[in-house]
Protein backbone atom coordinates (compact mmCIF):
# COMPACT_ATOMS: atom_id res chain seq x y z
CA MET A 1 -6.49 23.43 -27.67
CA GLU A 2 -4.92 20.97 -25.23
CA LYS A 3 -5.18 17.32 -26.19
CA ARG A 4 -6.72 15.22 -23.41
CA ALA A 5 -6.41 11.46 -23.21
CA GLN A 6 -9.11 9.16 -21.93
CA ILE A 7 -7.76 7.10 -19.01
CA GLY A 8 -9.56 4.11 -17.59
CA ILE A 9 -8.63 2.56 -14.23
CA GLN A 10 -9.87 -0.60 -12.53
CA TYR A 11 -8.97 -2.02 -9.12
CA SER A 12 -8.34 -5.52 -10.34
CA GLY A 13 -6.87 -7.51 -7.48
CA PHE A 14 -5.54 -7.68 -3.94
CA ARG A 15 -3.43 -10.26 -2.21
CA PHE A 16 -1.30 -10.88 0.85
CA LYS A 17 2.20 -11.76 -0.30
CA SER A 18 2.99 -12.64 3.31
CA PHE A 19 1.45 -12.33 6.74
CA SER A 20 2.88 -13.34 10.09
CA PHE A 21 2.35 -12.39 13.69
CA ARG A 22 2.97 -13.58 17.18
CA GLU A 23 0.80 -12.70 20.12
CA PRO A 24 2.71 -10.46 22.54
CA VAL A 25 2.70 -11.57 26.17
CA GLY A 26 1.13 -9.28 28.73
CA VAL A 27 -0.45 -6.61 26.56
CA GLY A 28 -1.63 -3.91 28.94
CA GLU A 29 -4.68 -1.74 28.47
CA ASN A 30 -2.53 1.28 27.60
CA GLU A 31 0.03 -0.66 25.53
CA SER A 32 1.35 1.15 22.46
CA PHE A 33 2.38 -0.22 19.09
CA ASN A 34 4.03 1.56 16.17
CA PHE A 35 3.06 0.82 12.60
CA GLU A 36 5.91 1.18 10.11
CA THR A 37 4.91 1.24 6.46
CA SER A 38 6.83 1.26 3.22
CA MET A 39 5.69 1.10 -0.38
CA ALA A 40 6.97 -0.02 -3.75
CA ILE A 41 5.27 0.78 -7.04
CA ARG A 42 5.78 -1.14 -10.27
CA THR A 43 4.26 -0.55 -13.67
CA ALA A 44 4.07 -2.89 -16.63
CA ASN A 45 2.14 -2.28 -19.85
CA ASP A 46 -1.39 -1.67 -18.57
CA ARG A 47 -0.75 -2.51 -14.90
CA ILE A 48 0.09 -0.55 -11.77
CA ILE A 49 1.10 -2.70 -8.80
CA ILE A 50 1.28 -1.11 -5.36
CA GLY A 51 3.18 -3.17 -2.79
CA LEU A 52 2.80 -2.23 0.86
CA MET A 53 4.89 -3.53 3.77
CA ILE A 54 3.45 -3.12 7.26
CA LEU A 55 5.41 -3.83 10.45
CA VAL A 56 3.77 -3.65 13.88
CA ASN A 57 6.28 -2.98 16.66
CA ARG A 58 5.61 -2.88 20.38
CA LYS A 59 6.92 0.38 21.85
CA SER A 60 7.90 -1.07 25.22
CA ASP A 61 10.30 -3.71 23.87
CA GLY A 62 10.87 -2.66 20.23
CA VAL A 63 9.98 -6.14 18.96
CA THR A 64 8.08 -6.63 15.69
CA TYR A 65 4.97 -8.69 16.46
CA ALA A 66 3.28 -8.54 13.06
CA ARG A 67 4.44 -8.24 9.47
CA ALA A 68 2.29 -8.05 6.36
CA GLU A 69 3.10 -7.56 2.70
CA THR A 70 0.20 -6.73 0.42
CA GLU A 71 -0.17 -6.04 -3.29
CA SER A 72 -2.92 -4.12 -5.01
CA LEU A 73 -3.28 -4.48 -8.77
CA PHE A 74 -4.79 -1.79 -10.95
CA LEU A 75 -5.45 -2.10 -14.67
CA ALA A 76 -5.05 1.17 -16.54
CA LYS A 77 -5.96 2.02 -20.11
CA GLY A 78 -4.86 5.09 -22.03
CA LEU A 79 -1.54 5.74 -20.27
CA GLU A 80 1.56 6.61 -22.28
CA GLN A 81 4.56 4.29 -22.46
CA VAL A 82 7.86 5.53 -21.01
CA GLU A 83 10.36 6.17 -23.79
CA GLY A 84 13.27 3.75 -23.73
CA LYS A 85 11.71 1.51 -21.06
CA ALA A 86 9.74 -1.28 -22.66
CA GLY A 87 6.53 -2.02 -20.81
CA SER A 88 6.78 0.91 -18.35
CA ILE A 89 4.00 3.50 -18.29
CA ASN A 90 3.78 7.12 -17.18
CA VAL A 91 1.26 7.53 -14.37
CA PRO A 92 -0.19 11.04 -13.93
CA GLU A 93 0.26 12.45 -10.41
CA ASP A 94 -3.45 12.61 -9.59
CA LEU A 95 -3.94 9.00 -10.66
CA LEU A 96 -0.88 7.85 -8.70
CA PHE A 97 -2.20 9.59 -5.59
CA THR A 98 -5.56 7.85 -6.02
CA VAL A 99 -4.14 4.32 -6.44
CA ILE A 100 -1.78 4.83 -3.48
CA SER A 101 -4.76 5.90 -1.32
CA LEU A 102 -6.83 2.91 -2.43
CA ALA A 103 -3.99 0.46 -1.77
CA ILE A 104 -3.43 1.83 1.74
CA SER A 105 -7.10 1.73 2.73
CA THR A 106 -7.60 -1.76 1.29
CA SER A 107 -4.51 -3.03 3.14
CA ARG A 108 -5.77 -1.46 6.39
CA GLY A 109 -9.10 -3.26 6.11
CA ALA A 110 -7.50 -6.57 5.11
CA LEU A 111 -5.12 -6.36 8.06
CA MET A 112 -8.07 -5.85 10.41
CA VAL A 113 -9.81 -8.92 9.00
CA LYS A 114 -6.65 -11.04 9.01
CA GLY A 115 -5.87 -9.95 12.60
CA ALA A 116 -9.35 -10.72 13.96
CA GLY A 117 -9.13 -12.55 17.27
CA THR A 118 -5.56 -11.32 17.91
CA PHE A 119 -4.03 -8.22 19.48
CA LEU A 120 -4.25 -6.60 16.02
CA GLU A 121 -8.02 -6.52 16.35
CA LYS A 122 -7.72 -3.84 19.05
CA MET A 123 -5.05 -1.81 17.23
CA PRO A 124 -6.10 -0.92 13.70
CA MET A 125 -3.52 0.53 11.39
CA PRO A 126 -3.60 4.30 11.81
CA ILE A 127 -4.58 6.67 9.04
CA VAL A 128 -1.54 7.08 6.80
CA ASP A 129 -0.92 10.19 4.75
CA PRO A 130 -0.65 8.95 1.15
CA GLN A 131 1.33 12.10 0.35
CA SER A 132 4.37 10.63 2.15
CA PHE A 133 4.39 7.67 -0.26
CA PHE A 134 3.54 9.86 -3.20
CA GLN A 135 6.68 11.98 -2.79
CA SER A 136 9.00 8.97 -2.54
CA ASN A 137 7.43 7.29 -5.60
CA LYS A 138 7.02 10.38 -7.74
CA SER A 139 9.47 9.02 -10.30
CA VAL A 140 6.73 6.61 -11.42
CA SER A 141 4.67 9.56 -12.66
CA GLN A 142 5.42 11.88 -15.54
């Protein structure tokens, strides 16, 4: 019989590490902006920290008009320690996918709130496929 471990997870915190923007001049009705995102994942003892960087670039001039760095903190119980790496934990793939998805959606909503009253209000962060981050951070999981 396969041994199954009980895992507990809690979304424990969210913060903006940084946020800056400048209002672009002459934003037209059909103006386009690109959202570039990158992610970093850290683990320590019973914590999983998902850092997300969001850059908002205007297509017509290539200038970055907004930049946000967010961190989502998850507390996890029942995860195995990585051998030879004190404090690091193995995160199962399905759990990693879930915390990545939660961090992205929370950051999207926080960016909308933080950008209220600015050009960001009219251009919400598009839906991002968490799978793209999952593949690049797979080394965090078992």
